Every structure is written in structure tokens, then in C-alpha cells.
PDB file of all heavy atoms in Angstrom:
ATOM      1  N   SER A   1       0.805  -1.146   0.013  1.00  0.00           N
ATOM      2  CA  SER A   1       0.017   0.006   0.037  1.00  0.00           C
ATOM      3  C   SER A   1       0.959   1.221  -0.007  1.00  0.00           C
ATOM      4  O   SER A   1       2.104   1.156   0.265  1.00  0.00           O
ATOM      5  CB  SER A   1      -0.951   0.009   1.190  1.00  0.00           C
ATOM      6  OG  SER A   1      -0.210   0.097   2.447  1.00  0.00           O
ATOM      7  N   GLY A   2       0.313   2.337  -0.342  1.00  0.00           N
ATOM      8  CA  GLY A   2       0.959   3.639  -0.209  1.00  0.00           C
ATOM      9  C   GLY A   2       1.533   4.260  -1.519  1.00  0.00           C
ATOM     10  O   GLY A   2       2.103   5.297  -1.518  1.00  0.00           O
ATOM     11  N   GLY A   3       1.237   3.541  -2.618  1.00  0.00           N
ATOM     12  CA  GLY A   3       1.701   4.049  -3.925  1.00  0.00           C
ATOM     13  C   GLY A   3       0.842   5.202  -4.401  1.00  0.00           C
ATOM     14  O   GLY A   3      -0.177   5.585  -3.650  1.00  0.00           O
ATOM     15  N   GLY A   4       1.182   5.749  -5.508  1.00  0.00           N
ATOM     16  CA  GLY A   4       0.354   6.832  -6.120  1.00  0.00           C
ATOM     17  C   GLY A   4       1.132   7.652  -6.995  1.00  0.00           C
ATOM     18  O   GLY A   4       2.234   7.264  -7.480  1.00  0.00           O
ATOM     19  N   LEU A   5       0.686   8.877  -7.278  1.00  0.00           N
ATOM     20  CA  LEU A   5       1.308   9.834  -8.167  1.00  0.00           C
ATOM     21  C   LEU A   5       1.898  11.033  -7.360  1.00  0.00           C
ATOM     22  O   LEU A   5       1.211  11.572  -6.439  1.00  0.00           O
ATOM     23  CB  LEU A   5       0.203  10.466  -9.103  1.00  0.00           C
ATOM     24  CG  LEU A   5       0.654  11.556 -10.022  1.00  0.00           C
ATOM     25  CD1 LEU A   5       1.700  11.046 -11.003  1.00  0.00           C
ATOM     26  CD2 LEU A   5      -0.577  12.118 -10.769  1.00  0.00           C
ATOM     27  N   VAL A   6       3.110  11.315  -7.704  1.00  0.00           N
ATOM     28  CA  VAL A   6       3.857  12.364  -6.906  1.00  0.00           C
ATOM     29  C   VAL A   6       4.710  13.108  -7.966  1.00  0.00           C
ATOM     30  O   VAL A   6       5.226  12.606  -8.973  1.00  0.00           O
ATOM     31  CB  VAL A   6       4.644  11.774  -5.805  1.00  0.00           C
ATOM     32  CG1 VAL A   6       5.824  10.910  -6.361  1.00  0.00           C
ATOM     33  CG2 VAL A   6       5.195  12.866  -4.883  1.00  0.00           C
ATOM     34  N   GLN A   7       4.952  14.394  -7.625  1.00  0.00           N
ATOM     35  CA  GLN A   7       5.875  15.138  -8.517  1.00  0.00           C
ATOM     36  C   GLN A   7       7.256  14.880  -8.116  1.00  0.00           C
ATOM     37  O   GLN A   7       7.642  14.490  -7.087  1.00  0.00           O
ATOM     38  CB  GLN A   7       5.580  16.669  -8.285  1.00  0.00           C
ATOM     39  CG  GLN A   7       4.236  17.149  -8.822  1.00  0.00           C
ATOM     40  CD  GLN A   7       4.029  18.630  -8.730  1.00  0.00           C
ATOM     41  OE1 GLN A   7       4.743  19.286  -8.087  1.00  0.00           O
ATOM     42  NE2 GLN A   7       3.007  19.105  -9.519  1.00  0.00           N
ATOM     43  N   ALA A   8       8.199  15.115  -9.145  1.00  0.00           N
ATOM     44  CA  ALA A   8       9.583  14.927  -8.953  1.00  0.00           C
ATOM     45  C   ALA A   8      10.066  15.760  -7.738  1.00  0.00           C
ATOM     46  O   ALA A   8       9.648  16.890  -7.509  1.00  0.00           O
ATOM     47  CB  ALA A   8      10.392  15.394 -10.143  1.00  0.00           C
ATOM     48  N   GLY A   9      10.891  15.107  -6.890  1.00  0.00           N
ATOM     49  CA  GLY A   9      11.371  15.756  -5.707  1.00  0.00           C
ATOM     50  C   GLY A   9      10.506  15.488  -4.463  1.00  0.00           C
ATOM     51  O   GLY A   9      10.891  15.792  -3.352  1.00  0.00           O
ATOM     52  N   GLY A  10       9.354  14.929  -4.697  1.00  0.00           N
ATOM     53  CA  GLY A  10       8.430  14.553  -3.553  1.00  0.00           C
ATOM     54  C   GLY A  10       8.747  13.232  -2.921  1.00  0.00           C
ATOM     55  O   GLY A  10       9.801  12.581  -3.209  1.00  0.00           O
ATOM     56  N   SER A  11       7.909  12.817  -2.036  1.00  0.00           N
ATOM     57  CA  SER A  11       8.137  11.603  -1.251  1.00  0.00           C
ATOM     58  C   SER A  11       6.858  10.729  -1.165  1.00  0.00           C
ATOM     59  O   SER A  11       5.772  11.198  -1.254  1.00  0.00           O
ATOM     60  CB  SER A  11       8.527  11.991   0.201  1.00  0.00           C
ATOM     61  OG  SER A  11       9.754  12.728   0.216  1.00  0.00           O
ATOM     62  N   LEU A  12       7.092   9.475  -1.070  1.00  0.00           N
ATOM     63  CA  LEU A  12       6.075   8.534  -0.763  1.00  0.00           C
ATOM     64  C   LEU A  12       6.617   7.448   0.172  1.00  0.00           C
ATOM     65  O   LEU A  12       7.871   7.203   0.207  1.00  0.00           O
ATOM     66  CB  LEU A  12       5.575   7.801  -2.056  1.00  0.00           C
ATOM     67  CG  LEU A  12       4.743   8.531  -3.052  1.00  0.00           C
ATOM     68  CD1 LEU A  12       4.573   7.732  -4.293  1.00  0.00           C
ATOM     69  CD2 LEU A  12       3.418   8.926  -2.444  1.00  0.00           C
ATOM     70  N   ARG A  13       5.737   6.822   0.931  1.00  0.00           N
ATOM     71  CA  ARG A  13       6.088   5.767   1.785  1.00  0.00           C
ATOM     72  C   ARG A  13       5.310   4.492   1.411  1.00  0.00           C
ATOM     73  O   ARG A  13       4.034   4.581   1.513  1.00  0.00           O
ATOM     74  CB  ARG A  13       5.941   6.031   3.276  1.00  0.00           C
ATOM     75  CG  ARG A  13       6.408   4.934   4.164  1.00  0.00           C
ATOM     76  CD  ARG A  13       6.232   5.264   5.641  1.00  0.00           C
ATOM     77  NE  ARG A  13       4.854   5.266   6.048  1.00  0.00           N
ATOM     78  CZ  ARG A  13       4.512   5.479   7.328  1.00  0.00           C
ATOM     79  NH1 ARG A  13       5.363   5.680   8.248  1.00  0.00           N
ATOM     80  NH2 ARG A  13       3.185   5.520   7.623  1.00  0.00           N
ATOM     81  N   LEU A  14       5.911   3.476   1.008  1.00  0.00           N
ATOM     82  CA  LEU A  14       5.253   2.163   0.709  1.00  0.00           C
ATOM     83  C   LEU A  14       5.247   1.304   1.971  1.00  0.00           C
ATOM     84  O   LEU A  14       6.181   1.321   2.683  1.00  0.00           O
ATOM     85  CB  LEU A  14       5.910   1.486  -0.464  1.00  0.00           C
ATOM     86  CG  LEU A  14       6.056   2.229  -1.785  1.00  0.00           C
ATOM     87  CD1 LEU A  14       6.722   1.311  -2.798  1.00  0.00           C
ATOM     88  CD2 LEU A  14       4.771   2.743  -2.264  1.00  0.00           C
ATOM     89  N   SER A  15       4.214   0.592   2.098  1.00  0.00           N
ATOM     90  CA  SER A  15       4.122  -0.407   3.189  1.00  0.00           C
ATOM     91  C   SER A  15       3.799  -1.798   2.587  1.00  0.00           C
ATOM     92  O   SER A  15       3.078  -1.888   1.601  1.00  0.00           O
ATOM     93  CB  SER A  15       2.970  -0.044   4.190  1.00  0.00           C
ATOM     94  OG  SER A  15       3.299   1.237   4.784  1.00  0.00           O
ATOM     95  N   CYS A  16       4.290  -2.765   3.249  1.00  0.00           N
ATOM     96  CA  CYS A  16       3.988  -4.186   2.847  1.00  0.00           C
ATOM     97  C   CYS A  16       3.644  -4.928   4.134  1.00  0.00           C
ATOM     98  O   CYS A  16       4.597  -5.092   4.984  1.00  0.00           O
ATOM     99  CB  CYS A  16       5.160  -4.763   2.044  1.00  0.00           C
ATOM    100  SG  CYS A  16       4.982  -6.500   1.723  1.00  0.00           S
ATOM    101  N   THR A  17       2.501  -5.378   4.254  1.00  0.00           N
ATOM    102  CA  THR A  17       2.028  -6.033   5.420  1.00  0.00           C
ATOM    103  C   THR A  17       1.819  -7.532   5.156  1.00  0.00           C
ATOM    104  O   THR A  17       1.247  -7.899   4.148  1.00  0.00           O
ATOM    105  CB  THR A  17       0.703  -5.531   5.955  1.00  0.00           C
ATOM    106  OG1 THR A  17       0.860  -4.108   6.303  1.00  0.00           O
ATOM    107  CG2 THR A  17       0.250  -6.248   7.196  1.00  0.00           C
ATOM    108  N   ALA A  18       2.415  -8.404   6.022  1.00  0.00           N
ATOM    109  CA  ALA A  18       2.360  -9.792   5.838  1.00  0.00           C
ATOM    110  C   ALA A  18       1.305 -10.470   6.729  1.00  0.00           C
ATOM    111  O   ALA A  18       1.111 -10.017   7.844  1.00  0.00           O
ATOM    112  CB  ALA A  18       3.777 -10.370   6.145  1.00  0.00           C
ATOM    113  N   SER A  19       0.843 -11.555   6.249  1.00  0.00           N
ATOM    114  CA  SER A  19      -0.104 -12.405   7.052  1.00  0.00           C
ATOM    115  C   SER A  19       0.188 -13.823   6.664  1.00  0.00           C
ATOM    116  O   SER A  19       0.871 -14.131   5.712  1.00  0.00           O
ATOM    117  CB  SER A  19      -1.553 -12.052   6.781  1.00  0.00           C
ATOM    118  OG  SER A  19      -1.938 -12.314   5.470  1.00  0.00           O
ATOM    119  N   GLY A  20      -0.377 -14.773   7.505  1.00  0.00           N
ATOM    120  CA  GLY A  20      -0.123 -16.148   7.225  1.00  0.00           C
ATOM    121  C   GLY A  20       1.004 -16.633   8.102  1.00  0.00           C
ATOM    122  O   GLY A  20       0.965 -16.459   9.336  1.00  0.00           O
ATOM    123  N   ARG A  21       2.059 -17.109   7.507  1.00  0.00           N
ATOM    124  CA  ARG A  21       3.224 -17.778   8.279  1.00  0.00           C
ATOM    125  C   ARG A  21       4.122 -16.653   8.735  1.00  0.00           C
ATOM    126  O   ARG A  21       5.371 -16.665   8.408  1.00  0.00           O
ATOM    127  CB  ARG A  21       3.878 -18.823   7.468  1.00  0.00           C
ATOM    128  CG  ARG A  21       3.016 -19.963   7.133  1.00  0.00           C
ATOM    129  CD  ARG A  21       3.734 -21.004   6.280  1.00  0.00           C
ATOM    130  NE  ARG A  21       4.792 -21.614   7.023  1.00  0.00           N
ATOM    131  CZ  ARG A  21       5.623 -22.569   6.567  1.00  0.00           C
ATOM    132  NH1 ARG A  21       5.587 -22.911   5.285  1.00  0.00           N
ATOM    133  NH2 ARG A  21       6.610 -23.074   7.288  1.00  0.00           N
ATOM    134  N   THR A  22       3.627 -15.682   9.520  1.00  0.00           N
ATOM    135  CA  THR A  22       4.466 -14.561   9.860  1.00  0.00           C
ATOM    136  C   THR A  22       5.408 -14.947  11.043  1.00  0.00           C
ATOM    137  O   THR A  22       6.266 -14.137  11.371  1.00  0.00           O
ATOM    138  CB  THR A  22       3.518 -13.437  10.351  1.00  0.00           C
ATOM    139  OG1 THR A  22       2.644 -13.835  11.337  1.00  0.00           O
ATOM    140  CG2 THR A  22       2.720 -12.864   9.174  1.00  0.00           C
ATOM    141  N   PHE A  23       5.325 -16.097  11.558  1.00  0.00           N
ATOM    142  CA  PHE A  23       6.238 -16.572  12.589  1.00  0.00           C
ATOM    143  C   PHE A  23       7.638 -16.837  12.003  1.00  0.00           C
ATOM    144  O   PHE A  23       8.607 -16.887  12.696  1.00  0.00           O
ATOM    145  CB  PHE A  23       5.728 -17.759  13.305  1.00  0.00           C
ATOM    146  CG  PHE A  23       5.399 -18.954  12.407  1.00  0.00           C
ATOM    147  CD1 PHE A  23       6.341 -19.882  12.046  1.00  0.00           C
ATOM    148  CD2 PHE A  23       4.163 -19.118  11.851  1.00  0.00           C
ATOM    149  CE1 PHE A  23       6.154 -20.969  11.263  1.00  0.00           C
ATOM    150  CE2 PHE A  23       3.865 -20.249  11.053  1.00  0.00           C
ATOM    151  CZ  PHE A  23       4.855 -21.162  10.745  1.00  0.00           C
ATOM    152  N   ARG A  24       7.641 -17.060  10.740  1.00  0.00           N
ATOM    153  CA  ARG A  24       8.916 -17.245  10.035  1.00  0.00           C
ATOM    154  C   ARG A  24       9.709 -15.937   9.978  1.00  0.00           C
ATOM    155  O   ARG A  24       9.141 -14.891   9.703  1.00  0.00           O
ATOM    156  CB  ARG A  24       8.798 -17.814   8.605  1.00  0.00           C
ATOM    157  CG  ARG A  24       8.352 -19.259   8.555  1.00  0.00           C
ATOM    158  CD  ARG A  24       8.565 -19.871   7.209  1.00  0.00           C
ATOM    159  NE  ARG A  24       9.985 -19.791   6.801  1.00  0.00           N
ATOM    160  CZ  ARG A  24      10.420 -20.216   5.617  1.00  0.00           C
ATOM    161  NH1 ARG A  24       9.564 -20.761   4.777  1.00  0.00           N
ATOM    162  NH2 ARG A  24      11.718 -20.138   5.245  1.00  0.00           N
ATOM    163  N   ARG A  25      10.968 -16.017  10.202  1.00  0.00           N
ATOM    164  CA  ARG A  25      11.860 -14.795  10.175  1.00  0.00           C
ATOM    165  C   ARG A  25      12.323 -14.561   8.851  1.00  0.00           C
ATOM    166  O   ARG A  25      13.510 -14.791   8.497  1.00  0.00           O
ATOM    167  CB  ARG A  25      12.933 -15.017  11.171  1.00  0.00           C
ATOM    168  CG  ARG A  25      12.453 -15.086  12.577  1.00  0.00           C
ATOM    169  CD  ARG A  25      13.512 -15.189  13.624  1.00  0.00           C
ATOM    170  NE  ARG A  25      13.004 -15.161  14.983  1.00  0.00           N
ATOM    171  CZ  ARG A  25      13.737 -15.066  16.150  1.00  0.00           C
ATOM    172  NH1 ARG A  25      15.074 -14.973  15.993  1.00  0.00           N
ATOM    173  NH2 ARG A  25      13.180 -15.094  17.296  1.00  0.00           N
ATOM    174  N   TYR A  26      11.446 -14.041   7.945  1.00  0.00           N
ATOM    175  CA  TYR A  26      11.756 -13.669   6.608  1.00  0.00           C
ATOM    176  C   TYR A  26      12.568 -12.419   6.536  1.00  0.00           C
ATOM    177  O   TYR A  26      12.355 -11.436   7.206  1.00  0.00           O
ATOM    178  CB  TYR A  26      10.553 -13.463   5.793  1.00  0.00           C
ATOM    179  CG  TYR A  26       9.746 -14.713   5.450  1.00  0.00           C
ATOM    180  CD1 TYR A  26       8.493 -14.955   6.123  1.00  0.00           C
ATOM    181  CD2 TYR A  26      10.188 -15.627   4.538  1.00  0.00           C
ATOM    182  CE1 TYR A  26       7.757 -16.046   5.823  1.00  0.00           C
ATOM    183  CE2 TYR A  26       9.406 -16.773   4.266  1.00  0.00           C
ATOM    184  CZ  TYR A  26       8.212 -16.969   4.905  1.00  0.00           C
ATOM    185  OH  TYR A  26       7.370 -18.038   4.598  1.00  0.00           O
TER     186      TYR A  26
END
């Protein structure tokens, strides 16, 4: 999540959330 359209010089923060076998140390 967190994508989109931004002008050059700007900032974005992407997030990636895991579910399922989250006990594994990936």
C-alpha cells in the first residue's frame, strides 16, 4: 500500500504487510 502519483522531488512511503506464516523470520 502507499503508492500513487507524486511530483519529482516529492516523497512516498510504501508499506507491505504480511499475514499467514508470519512466525517465520523472513
